[in-house]
Amino acid sequence: SLASGGAPVNGVVPAFGETVVMLPVTASGLSIARQAINLFQNA
């Protein structure tokens, strides 16, 4: 797990269409550090 978040945004995606939705998420510094340690260890 790295980050999660939610937003009370609303809208419509057209039939056979697409849109971009913006979503703020939060990651704890500890989860970022854990990922960085794993990358450094692999290196």
Full PDB file with SEQRES, HELIX, SHEET, SSBOND, CRYST1, ORIGX, SCALE, CONECT and MASTER records, all heavy atoms in Angstrom:
SEQRES   1 A   43  SER LEU ALA SER GLY GLY ALA PRO VAL ASN GLY VAL VAL          
SEQRES   2 A   43  PRO ALA PHE GLY GLU THR VAL VAL MET LEU PRO VAL THR          
SEQRES   3 A   43  ALA SER GLY LEU SER ILE ALA ARG GLN ALA ILE ASN LEU          
SEQRES   4 A   43  PHE GLN ASN ALA                                              
HELIX    1 AA1 GLY A   29  ASN A   42  1                                  14    
CRYST1    1.000    1.000    1.000  90.00  90.00  90.00 P 1           1          
ORIGX1      1.000000  0.000000  0.000000        0.00000                         
ORIGX2      0.000000  1.000000  0.000000        0.00000                         
ORIGX3      0.000000  0.000000  1.000000        0.00000                         
SCALE1      1.000000  0.000000  0.000000        0.00000                         
SCALE2      0.000000  1.000000  0.000000        0.00000                         
SCALE3      0.000000  0.000000  1.000000        0.00000                         
ATOM      1  N   SER A   1       0.835  -1.197   0.000  1.00  0.00           N  
ATOM      2  CA  SER A   1       0.000   0.000   0.000  1.00  0.00           C  
ATOM      3  C   SER A   1       0.873   1.251   0.000  1.00  0.00           C  
ATOM      4  O   SER A   1       1.841   1.346   0.752  1.00  0.00           O  
ATOM      5  CB  SER A   1      -0.902  -0.006   1.230  1.00  0.00           C  
ATOM      6  OG  SER A   1      -1.699   1.152   1.242  1.00  0.00           O  
ATOM      7  N   LEU A   2       0.532   2.215  -0.845  1.00  0.00           N  
ATOM      8  CA  LEU A   2       1.307   3.441  -0.937  1.00  0.00           C  
ATOM      9  C   LEU A   2       0.480   4.663  -0.575  1.00  0.00           C  
ATOM     10  O   LEU A   2       0.876   5.453   0.268  1.00  0.00           O  
ATOM     11  CB  LEU A   2       1.886   3.604  -2.344  1.00  0.00           C  
ATOM     12  CG  LEU A   2       2.697   4.868  -2.569  1.00  0.00           C  
ATOM     13  CD1 LEU A   2       3.987   4.829  -1.755  1.00  0.00           C  
ATOM     14  CD2 LEU A   2       3.002   5.059  -4.040  1.00  0.00           C  
ATOM     15  N   ALA A   3      -0.671   4.835  -1.214  1.00  0.00           N  
ATOM     16  CA  ALA A   3      -1.463   6.047  -1.008  1.00  0.00           C  
ATOM     17  C   ALA A   3      -2.939   5.747  -1.229  1.00  0.00           C  
ATOM     18  O   ALA A   3      -3.290   4.798  -1.940  1.00  0.00           O  
ATOM     19  CB  ALA A   3      -1.010   7.138  -1.965  1.00  0.00           C  
ATOM     20  N   SER A   4      -3.792   6.584  -0.633  1.00  0.00           N  
ATOM     21  CA  SER A   4      -5.233   6.465  -0.855  1.00  0.00           C  
ATOM     22  C   SER A   4      -5.873   7.820  -0.651  1.00  0.00           C  
ATOM     23  O   SER A   4      -5.304   8.717  -0.040  1.00  0.00           O  
ATOM     24  CB  SER A   4      -5.853   5.432   0.089  1.00  0.00           C  
ATOM     25  OG  SER A   4      -5.715   5.856   1.427  1.00  0.00           O  
ATOM     26  N   GLY A   5      -7.076   7.958  -1.193  1.00  0.00           N  
ATOM     27  CA  GLY A   5      -7.805   9.208  -1.022  1.00  0.00           C  
ATOM     28  C   GLY A   5      -9.149   9.171  -1.715  1.00  0.00           C  
ATOM     29  O   GLY A   5      -9.430   8.290  -2.523  1.00  0.00           O  
ATOM     30  N   GLY A   6      -9.953  10.143  -1.379  1.00  0.00           N  
ATOM     31  CA  GLY A   6     -11.280  10.263  -1.973  1.00  0.00           C  
ATOM     32  C   GLY A   6     -11.631  11.718  -2.172  1.00  0.00           C  
ATOM     33  O   GLY A   6     -11.005  12.611  -1.592  1.00  0.00           O  
ATOM     34  N   ALA A   7     -12.622  11.954  -3.020  1.00  0.00           N  
ATOM     35  CA  ALA A   7     -13.068  13.315  -3.286  1.00  0.00           C  
ATOM     36  C   ALA A   7     -14.551  13.293  -3.649  1.00  0.00           C  
ATOM     37  O   ALA A   7     -15.009  12.381  -4.341  1.00  0.00           O  
ATOM     38  CB  ALA A   7     -12.256  13.937  -4.418  1.00  0.00           C  
ATOM     39  N   PRO A   8     -15.292  14.304  -3.197  1.00  0.00           N  
ATOM     40  CA  PRO A   8     -16.722  14.368  -3.491  1.00  0.00           C  
ATOM     41  C   PRO A   8     -17.003  15.010  -4.850  1.00  0.00           C  
ATOM     42  O   PRO A   8     -17.854  15.887  -4.979  1.00  0.00           O  
ATOM     43  CB  PRO A   8     -17.263  15.219  -2.343  1.00  0.00           C  
ATOM     44  CG  PRO A   8     -16.146  16.158  -2.035  1.00  0.00           C  
ATOM     45  CD  PRO A   8     -14.881  15.358  -2.278  1.00  0.00           C  
ATOM     46  N   VAL A   9     -16.286  14.594  -5.877  1.00  0.00           N  
ATOM     47  CA  VAL A   9     -16.478  15.160  -7.213  1.00  0.00           C  
ATOM     48  C   VAL A   9     -17.621  14.438  -7.912  1.00  0.00           C  
ATOM     49  O   VAL A   9     -17.918  13.285  -7.614  1.00  0.00           O  
ATOM     50  CB  VAL A   9     -15.186  15.062  -8.060  1.00  0.00           C  
ATOM     51  CG1 VAL A   9     -14.076  15.881  -7.438  1.00  0.00           C  
ATOM     52  CG2 VAL A   9     -14.741  13.625  -8.232  1.00  0.00           C  
ATOM     53  N   ASN A  10     -18.271  15.136  -8.825  1.00  0.00           N  
ATOM     54  CA  ASN A  10     -19.318  14.480  -9.597  1.00  0.00           C  
ATOM     55  C   ASN A  10     -19.213  14.913 -11.047  1.00  0.00           C  
ATOM     56  O   ASN A  10     -18.609  15.932 -11.366  1.00  0.00           O  
ATOM     57  CB  ASN A  10     -20.711  14.772  -9.017  1.00  0.00           C  
ATOM     58  CG  ASN A  10     -20.993  16.253  -8.929  1.00  0.00           C  
ATOM     59  OD1 ASN A  10     -20.891  16.970  -9.911  1.00  0.00           O  
ATOM     60  ND2 ASN A  10     -21.340  16.714  -7.745  1.00  0.00           N  
ATOM     61  N   GLY A  11     -19.765  14.096 -11.901  1.00  0.00           N  
ATOM     62  CA  GLY A  11     -19.723  14.390 -13.320  1.00  0.00           C  
ATOM     63  C   GLY A  11     -20.350  13.281 -14.130  1.00  0.00           C  
ATOM     64  O   GLY A  11     -20.986  12.377 -13.601  1.00  0.00           O  
ATOM     65  N   VAL A  12     -20.133  13.384 -15.427  1.00  0.00           N  
ATOM     66  CA  VAL A  12     -20.700  12.432 -16.370  1.00  0.00           C  
ATOM     67  C   VAL A  12     -19.619  12.050 -17.376  1.00  0.00           C  
ATOM     68  O   VAL A  12     -18.932  12.923 -17.901  1.00  0.00           O  
ATOM     69  CB  VAL A  12     -21.903  13.046 -17.121  1.00  0.00           C  
ATOM     70  CG1 VAL A  12     -22.444  12.083 -18.162  1.00  0.00           C  
ATOM     71  CG2 VAL A  12     -22.986  13.469 -16.154  1.00  0.00           C  
ATOM     72  N   VAL A  13     -19.493  10.762 -17.623  1.00  0.00           N  
ATOM     73  CA  VAL A  13     -18.631  10.287 -18.700  1.00  0.00           C  
ATOM     74  C   VAL A  13     -19.570   9.899 -19.835  1.00  0.00           C  
ATOM     75  O   VAL A  13     -20.449   9.053 -19.652  1.00  0.00           O  
ATOM     76  CB  VAL A  13     -17.782   9.067 -18.277  1.00  0.00           C  
ATOM     77  CG1 VAL A  13     -16.819   8.682 -19.391  1.00  0.00           C  
ATOM     78  CG2 VAL A  13     -17.023   9.351 -16.989  1.00  0.00           C  
ATOM     79  N   PRO A  14     -19.429  10.538 -20.997  1.00  0.00           N  
ATOM     80  CA  PRO A  14     -20.362  10.247 -22.089  1.00  0.00           C  
ATOM     81  C   PRO A  14     -20.287   8.794 -22.547  1.00  0.00           C  
ATOM     82  O   PRO A  14     -19.257   8.127 -22.366  1.00  0.00           O  
ATOM     83  CB  PRO A  14     -19.927  11.193 -23.213  1.00  0.00           C  
ATOM     84  CG  PRO A  14     -18.671  11.840 -22.773  1.00  0.00           C  
ATOM     85  CD  PRO A  14     -18.402  11.494 -21.349  1.00  0.00           C  
ATOM     86  N   ALA A  15     -21.358   8.318 -23.150  1.00  0.00           N  
ATOM     87  CA  ALA A  15     -21.357   6.981 -23.723  1.00  0.00           C  
ATOM     88  C   ALA A  15     -20.203   6.869 -24.713  1.00  0.00           C  
ATOM     89  O   ALA A  15     -19.976   7.782 -25.514  1.00  0.00           O  
ATOM     90  CB  ALA A  15     -22.689   6.713 -24.425  1.00  0.00           C  
ATOM     91  N   PHE A  16     -19.459   5.781 -24.626  1.00  0.00           N  
ATOM     92  CA  PHE A  16     -18.298   5.524 -25.484  1.00  0.00           C  
ATOM     93  C   PHE A  16     -17.292   6.675 -25.447  1.00  0.00           C  
ATOM     94  O   PHE A  16     -16.558   6.898 -26.398  1.00  0.00           O  
ATOM     95  CB  PHE A  16     -18.722   5.242 -26.927  1.00  0.00           C  
ATOM     96  CG  PHE A  16     -19.658   4.087 -27.052  1.00  0.00           C  
ATOM     97  CD1 PHE A  16     -20.980   4.273 -27.439  1.00  0.00           C  
ATOM     98  CD2 PHE A  16     -19.231   2.801 -26.759  1.00  0.00           C  
ATOM     99  CE1 PHE A  16     -21.846   3.207 -27.542  1.00  0.00           C  
ATOM    100  CE2 PHE A  16     -20.094   1.723 -26.866  1.00  0.00           C  
ATOM    101  CZ  PHE A  16     -21.412   1.931 -27.258  1.00  0.00           C  
ATOM    102  N   GLY A  17     -17.248   7.398 -24.337  1.00  0.00           N  
ATOM    103  CA  GLY A  17     -16.348   8.545 -24.211  1.00  0.00           C  
ATOM    104  C   GLY A  17     -15.412   8.401 -23.037  1.00  0.00           C  
ATOM    105  O   GLY A  17     -15.318   7.350 -22.396  1.00  0.00           O  
ATOM    106  N   GLU A  18     -14.710   9.481 -22.755  1.00  0.00           N  
ATOM    107  CA  GLU A  18     -13.759   9.479 -21.650  1.00  0.00           C  
ATOM    108  C   GLU A  18     -13.649  10.872 -21.054  1.00  0.00           C  
ATOM    109  O   GLU A  18     -14.040  11.861 -21.669  1.00  0.00           O  
ATOM    110  CB  GLU A  18     -12.387   8.985 -22.100  1.00  0.00           C  
ATOM    111  CG  GLU A  18     -11.713   9.853 -23.127  1.00  0.00           C  
ATOM    112  CD  GLU A  18     -10.365   9.295 -23.558  1.00  0.00           C  
ATOM    113  OE1 GLU A  18     -10.239   8.074 -23.750  1.00  0.00           O  
ATOM    114  OE2 GLU A  18      -9.438  10.106 -23.698  1.00  0.00           O  
ATOM    115  N   THR A  19     -13.100  10.910 -19.838  1.00  0.00           N  
ATOM    116  CA  THR A  19     -12.830  12.169 -19.147  1.00  0.00           C  
ATOM    117  C   THR A  19     -11.681  11.948 -18.183  1.00  0.00           C  
ATOM    118  O   THR A  19     -11.321  10.810 -17.895  1.00  0.00           O  
ATOM    119  CB  THR A  19     -14.084  12.682 -18.401  1.00  0.00           C  
ATOM    120  OG1 THR A  19     -13.860  14.012 -17.963  1.00  0.00           O  
ATOM    121  CG2 THR A  19     -14.415  11.803 -17.199  1.00  0.00           C  
ATOM    122  N   VAL A  20     -11.100  13.035 -17.689  1.00  0.00           N  
ATOM    123  CA  VAL A  20     -10.046  12.956 -16.683  1.00  0.00           C  
ATOM    124  C   VAL A  20     -10.618  13.448 -15.361  1.00  0.00           C  
ATOM    125  O   VAL A  20     -11.227  14.511 -15.295  1.00  0.00           O  
ATOM    126  CB  VAL A  20      -8.812  13.789 -17.082  1.00  0.00           C  
ATOM    127  CG1 VAL A  20      -7.787  13.821 -15.956  1.00  0.00           C  
ATOM    128  CG2 VAL A  20      -8.179  13.225 -18.356  1.00  0.00           C  
ATOM    129  N   VAL A  21     -10.443  12.646 -14.320  1.00  0.00           N  
ATOM    130  CA  VAL A  21     -10.900  12.969 -12.974  1.00  0.00           C  
ATOM    131  C   VAL A  21      -9.670  13.205 -12.112  1.00  0.00           C  
ATOM    132  O   VAL A  21      -8.736  12.400 -12.120  1.00  0.00           O  
ATOM    133  CB  VAL A  21     -11.764  11.823 -12.391  1.00  0.00           C  
ATOM    134  CG1 VAL A  21     -12.151  12.119 -10.944  1.00  0.00           C  
ATOM    135  CG2 VAL A  21     -12.991  11.594 -13.247  1.00  0.00           C  
ATOM    136  N   MET A  22      -9.671  14.309 -11.378  1.00  0.00           N  
ATOM    137  CA  MET A  22      -8.566  14.649 -10.480  1.00  0.00           C  
ATOM    138  C   MET A  22      -8.886  14.140  -9.083  1.00  0.00           C  
ATOM    139  O   MET A  22      -9.978  14.378  -8.577  1.00  0.00           O  
ATOM    140  CB  MET A  22      -8.352  16.155 -10.454  1.00  0.00           C  
ATOM    141  CG  MET A  22      -8.197  16.781 -11.839  1.00  0.00           C  
ATOM    142  SD  MET A  22      -6.778  16.173 -12.725  1.00  0.00           S  
ATOM    143  CE  MET A  22      -5.517  17.161 -11.969  1.00  0.00           C  
ATOM    144  N   LEU A  23      -7.917  13.431  -8.472  1.00  0.00           N  
ATOM    145  CA  LEU A  23      -8.137  12.838  -7.158  1.00  0.00           C  
ATOM    146  C   LEU A  23      -6.932  13.071  -6.255  1.00  0.00           C  
ATOM    147  O   LEU A  23      -5.844  12.550  -6.523  1.00  0.00           O  
ATOM    148  CB  LEU A  23      -8.381  11.332  -7.299  1.00  0.00           C  
ATOM    149  CG  LEU A  23      -8.505  10.555  -5.991  1.00  0.00           C  
ATOM    150  CD1 LEU A  23      -9.708  11.008  -5.187  1.00  0.00           C  
ATOM    151  CD2 LEU A  23      -8.580   9.070  -6.272  1.00  0.00           C  
ATOM    152  N   PRO A  24      -7.086  13.838  -5.175  1.00  0.00           N  
ATOM    153  CA  PRO A  24      -5.983  13.988  -4.221  1.00  0.00           C  
ATOM    154  C   PRO A  24      -5.862  12.733  -3.361  1.00  0.00           C  
ATOM    155  O   PRO A  24      -6.859  12.184  -2.910  1.00  0.00           O  
ATOM    156  CB  PRO A  24      -6.402  15.199  -3.378  1.00  0.00           C  
ATOM    157  CG  PRO A  24      -7.889  15.257  -3.486  1.00  0.00           C  
ATOM    158  CD  PRO A  24      -8.251  14.647  -4.815  1.00  0.00           C  
ATOM    159  N   VAL A  25      -4.624  12.264  -3.178  1.00  0.00           N  
ATOM    160  CA  VAL A  25      -4.366  11.103  -2.327  1.00  0.00           C  
ATOM    161  C   VAL A  25      -3.253  11.447  -1.344  1.00  0.00           C  
ATOM    162  O   VAL A  25      -2.459  12.359  -1.582  1.00  0.00           O  
ATOM    163  CB  VAL A  25      -3.987   9.840  -3.134  1.00  0.00           C  
ATOM    164  CG1 VAL A  25      -5.142   9.401  -4.019  1.00  0.00           C  
ATOM    165  CG2 VAL A  25      -2.729  10.048  -3.933  1.00  0.00           C  
ATOM    166  N   THR A  26      -3.213  10.697  -0.259  1.00  0.00           N  
ATOM    167  CA  THR A  26      -2.220  10.912   0.786  1.00  0.00           C  
ATOM    168  C   THR A  26      -1.417   9.637   0.992  1.00  0.00           C  
ATOM    169  O   THR A  26      -1.975   8.540   1.028  1.00  0.00           O  
ATOM    170  CB  THR A  26      -2.918  11.283   2.113  1.00  0.00           C  
ATOM    171  OG1 THR A  26      -3.713  12.445   1.896  1.00  0.00           O  
ATOM    172  CG2 THR A  26      -1.909  11.558   3.214  1.00  0.00           C  
ATOM    173  N   ALA A  27      -0.105   9.800   1.116  1.00  0.00           N  
ATOM    174  CA  ALA A  27       0.798   8.696   1.433  1.00  0.00           C  
ATOM    175  C   ALA A  27       1.535   9.062   2.710  1.00  0.00           C  
ATOM    176  O   ALA A  27       1.986  10.197   2.873  1.00  0.00           O  
ATOM    177  CB  ALA A  27       1.797   8.475   0.296  1.00  0.00           C  
ATOM    178  N   SER A  28       1.655   8.101   3.602  1.00  0.00           N  
ATOM    179  CA  SER A  28       2.423   8.385   4.815  1.00  0.00           C  
ATOM    180  C   SER A  28       3.900   8.405   4.461  1.00  0.00           C  
ATOM    181  O   SER A  28       4.353   7.708   3.548  1.00  0.00           O  
ATOM    182  CB  SER A  28       2.151   7.334   5.890  1.00  0.00           C  
ATOM    183  OG  SER A  28       2.818   6.131   5.589  1.00  0.00           O  
ATOM    184  N   GLY A  29       4.651   9.192   5.184  1.00  0.00           N  
ATOM    185  CA  GLY A  29       6.095   9.240   4.983  1.00  0.00           C  
ATOM    186  C   GLY A  29       6.724   7.877   5.206  1.00  0.00           C  
ATOM    187  O   GLY A  29       7.701   7.520   4.548  1.00  0.00           O  
ATOM    188  N   LEU A  30       6.127   7.088   6.100  1.00  0.00           N  
ATOM    189  CA  LEU A  30       6.661   5.748   6.369  1.00  0.00           C  
ATOM    190  C   LEU A  30       6.480   4.817   5.176  1.00  0.00           C  
ATOM    191  O   LEU A  30       7.369   4.018   4.865  1.00  0.00           O  
ATOM    192  CB  LEU A  30       5.998   5.164   7.619  1.00  0.00           C  
ATOM    193  CG  LEU A  30       6.276   5.937   8.914  1.00  0.00           C  
ATOM    194  CD1 LEU A  30       5.480   5.339  10.063  1.00  0.00           C  
ATOM    195  CD2 LEU A  30       7.751   5.957   9.220  1.00  0.00           C  
ATOM    196  N   SER A  31       5.336   4.919   4.489  1.00  0.00           N  
ATOM    197  CA  SER A  31       5.144   4.049   3.327  1.00  0.00           C  
ATOM    198  C   SER A  31       6.076   4.453   2.192  1.00  0.00           C  
ATOM    199  O   SER A  31       6.598   3.591   1.480  1.00  0.00           O  
ATOM    200  CB  SER A  31       3.685   4.051   2.862  1.00  0.00           C  
ATOM    201  OG  SER A  31       3.297   5.319   2.384  1.00  0.00           O  
ATOM    202  N   ILE A  32       6.348   5.745   2.044  1.00  0.00           N  
ATOM    203  CA  ILE A  32       7.306   6.210   1.034  1.00  0.00           C  
ATOM    204  C   ILE A  32       8.708   5.709   1.399  1.00  0.00           C  
ATOM    205  O   ILE A  32       9.456   5.225   0.543  1.00  0.00           O  
ATOM    206  CB  ILE A  32       7.297   7.744   0.921  1.00  0.00           C  
ATOM    207  CG1 ILE A  32       5.937   8.244   0.440  1.00  0.00           C  
ATOM    208  CG2 ILE A  32       8.418   8.242   0.030  1.00  0.00           C  
ATOM    209  CD1 ILE A  32       5.619   7.975  -0.995  1.00  0.00           C  
ATOM    210  N   ALA A  33       9.061   5.818   2.677  1.00  0.00           N  
ATOM    211  CA  ALA A  33      10.386   5.353   3.127  1.00  0.00           C  
ATOM    212  C   ALA A  33      10.544   3.854   2.895  1.00  0.00           C  
ATOM    213  O   ALA A  33      11.597   3.398   2.446  1.00  0.00           O  
ATOM    214  CB  ALA A  33      10.589   5.689   4.601  1.00  0.00           C  
ATOM    215  N   ARG A  34       9.502   3.089   3.166  1.00  0.00           N  
ATOM    216  CA  ARG A  34       9.549   1.641   2.959  1.00  0.00           C  
ATOM    217  C   ARG A  34       9.800   1.324   1.488  1.00  0.00           C  
ATOM    218  O   ARG A  34      10.619   0.466   1.154  1.00  0.00           O  
ATOM    219  CB  ARG A  34       8.242   1.002   3.430  1.00  0.00           C  
ATOM    220  CG  ARG A  34       8.215  -0.501   3.315  1.00  0.00           C  
ATOM    221  CD  ARG A  34       6.935  -1.119   3.870  1.00  0.00           C  
ATOM    222  NE  ARG A  34       5.769  -0.625   3.153  1.00  0.00           N  
ATOM    223  CZ  ARG A  34       4.715  -0.041   3.723  1.00  0.00           C  
ATOM    224  NH1 ARG A  34       4.670   0.128   5.021  1.00  0.00           N  
ATOM    225  NH2 ARG A  34       3.704   0.375   2.999  1.00  0.00           N  
ATOM    226  N   GLN A  35       9.130   2.046   0.594  1.00  0.00           N  
ATOM    227  CA  GLN A  35       9.336   1.829  -0.845  1.00  0.00           C  
ATOM    228  C   GLN A  35      10.769   2.186  -1.245  1.00  0.00           C  
ATOM    229  O   GLN A  35      11.411   1.467  -2.009  1.00  0.00           O  
ATOM    230  CB  GLN A  35       8.338   2.660  -1.663  1.00  0.00           C  
ATOM    231  CG  GLN A  35       6.908   2.229  -1.510  1.00  0.00           C  
ATOM    232  CD  GLN A  35       6.608   0.893  -2.162  1.00  0.00           C  
ATOM    233  OE1 GLN A  35       7.328   0.424  -3.036  1.00  0.00           O  
ATOM    234  NE2 GLN A  35       5.531   0.268  -1.731  1.00  0.00           N  
ATOM    235  N   ALA A  36      11.271   3.309  -0.722  1.00  0.00           N  
ATOM    236  CA  ALA A  36      12.633   3.739  -1.062  1.00  0.00           C  
ATOM    237  C   ALA A  36      13.661   2.726  -0.550  1.00  0.00           C  
ATOM    238  O   ALA A  36      14.624   2.392  -1.258  1.00  0.00           O  
ATOM    239  CB  ALA A  36      12.917   5.116  -0.470  1.00  0.00           C  
ATOM    240  N   ILE A  37      13.464   2.222   0.661  1.00  0.00           N  
ATOM    241  CA  ILE A  37      14.393   1.227   1.220  1.00  0.00           C  
ATOM    242  C   ILE A  37      14.408  -0.024   0.345  1.00  0.00           C  
ATOM    243  O   ILE A  37      15.470  -0.577   0.059  1.00  0.00           O  
ATOM    244  CB  ILE A  37      14.012   0.893   2.680  1.00  0.00           C  
ATOM    245  CG1 ILE A  37      14.359   2.083   3.576  1.00  0.00           C  
ATOM    246  CG2 ILE A  37      14.706  -0.374   3.151  1.00  0.00           C  
ATOM    247  CD1 ILE A  37      13.784   1.987   4.970  1.00  0.00           C  
ATOM    248  N   ASN A  38      13.239  -0.463  -0.111  1.00  0.00           N  
ATOM    249  CA  ASN A  38      13.180  -1.644  -0.976  1.00  0.00           C  
ATOM    250  C   ASN A  38      13.939  -1.400  -2.279  1.00  0.00           C  
ATOM    251  O   ASN A  38      14.664  -2.277  -2.750  1.00  0.00           O  
ATOM    252  CB  ASN A  38      11.736  -2.026  -1.276  1.00  0.00           C  
ATOM    253  CG  ASN A  38      11.046  -2.671  -0.098  1.00  0.00           C  
ATOM    254  OD1 ASN A  38      11.695  -3.163   0.820  1.00  0.00           O  
ATOM    255  ND2 ASN A  38       9.724  -2.660  -0.113  1.00  0.00           N  
ATOM    256  N   LEU A  39      13.792  -0.202  -2.863  1.00  0.00           N  
ATOM    257  CA  LEU A  39      14.502   0.106  -4.104  1.00  0.00           C  
ATOM    258  C   LEU A  39      16.010   0.135  -3.883  1.00  0.00           C  
ATOM    259  O   LEU A  39      16.782  -0.416  -4.675  1.00  0.00           O  
ATOM    260  CB  LEU A  39      14.025   1.440  -4.681  1.00  0.00           C  
ATOM    261  CG  LEU A  39      12.621   1.446  -5.282  1.00  0.00           C  
ATOM    262  CD1 LEU A  39      12.204   2.861  -5.657  1.00  0.00           C  
ATOM    263  CD2 LEU A  39      12.532   0.524  -6.479  1.00  0.00           C  
ATOM    264  N   PHE A  40      16.447   0.778  -2.793  1.00  0.00           N  
ATOM    265  CA  PHE A  40      17.879   0.838  -2.486  1.00  0.00           C  
ATOM    266  C   PHE A  40      18.449  -0.543  -2.195  1.00  0.00           C  
ATOM    267  O   PHE A  40      19.557  -0.871  -2.597  1.00  0.00           O  
ATOM    268  CB  PHE A  40      18.161   1.783  -1.319  1.00  0.00           C  
ATOM    269  CG  PHE A  40      17.972   3.224  -1.656  1.00  0.00           C  
ATOM    270  CD1 PHE A  40      17.209   4.040  -0.841  1.00  0.00           C  
ATOM    271  CD2 PHE A  40      18.550   3.786  -2.782  1.00  0.00           C  
ATOM    272  CE1 PHE A  40      17.024   5.385  -1.149  1.00  0.00           C  
ATOM    273  CE2 PHE A  40      18.374   5.128  -3.098  1.00  0.00           C  
ATOM    274  CZ  PHE A  40      17.611   5.924  -2.282  1.00  0.00           C  
ATOM    275  N   GLN A  41      17.688  -1.360  -1.482  1.00  0.00           N  
ATOM    276  CA  GLN A  41      18.143  -2.712  -1.169  1.00  0.00           C  
ATOM    277  C   GLN A  41      18.304  -3.529  -2.444  1.00  0.00           C  
ATOM    278  O   GLN A  41      19.293  -4.248  -2.610  1.00  0.00           O  
ATOM    279  CB  GLN A  41      17.164  -3.393  -0.220  1.00  0.00           C  
ATOM    280  CG  GLN A  41      17.623  -4.762   0.240  1.00  0.00           C  
ATOM    281  CD  GLN A  41      16.673  -5.352   1.271  1.00  0.00           C  
ATOM    282  OE1 GLN A  41      15.567  -4.861   1.473  1.00  0.00           O  
ATOM    283  NE2 GLN A  41      17.101  -6.407   1.921  1.00  0.00           N  
ATOM    284  N   ASN A  42      17.356  -3.411  -3.367  1.00  0.00           N  
ATOM    285  CA  ASN A  42      17.471  -4.116  -4.642  1.00  0.00           C  
ATOM    286  C   ASN A  42      18.691  -3.642  -5.418  1.00  0.00           C  
ATOM    287  O   ASN A  42      19.404  -4.450  -6.015  1.00  0.00           O  
ATOM    288  CB  ASN A  42      16.210  -3.933  -5.482  1.00  0.00           C  
ATOM    289  CG  ASN A  42      15.043  -4.730  -4.949  1.00  0.00           C  
ATOM    290  OD1 ASN A  42      15.209  -5.666  -4.184  1.00  0.00           O  
ATOM    291  ND2 ASN A  42      13.846  -4.344  -5.358  1.00  0.00           N  
ATOM    292  N   ALA A  43      18.947  -2.341  -5.401  1.00  0.00           N  
ATOM    293  CA  ALA A  43      20.123  -1.802  -6.107  1.00  0.00           C  
ATOM    294  C   ALA A  43      21.413  -2.323  -5.476  1.00  0.00           C  
ATOM    295  O   ALA A  43      22.366  -2.664  -6.174  1.00  0.00           O  
ATOM    296  CB  ALA A  43      20.092  -0.284  -6.088  1.00  0.00           C  
TER     297      ALA A  43                                                      
MASTER        0    0    0    1    0    0    0    6  296    1    0    4          
END                                                                             
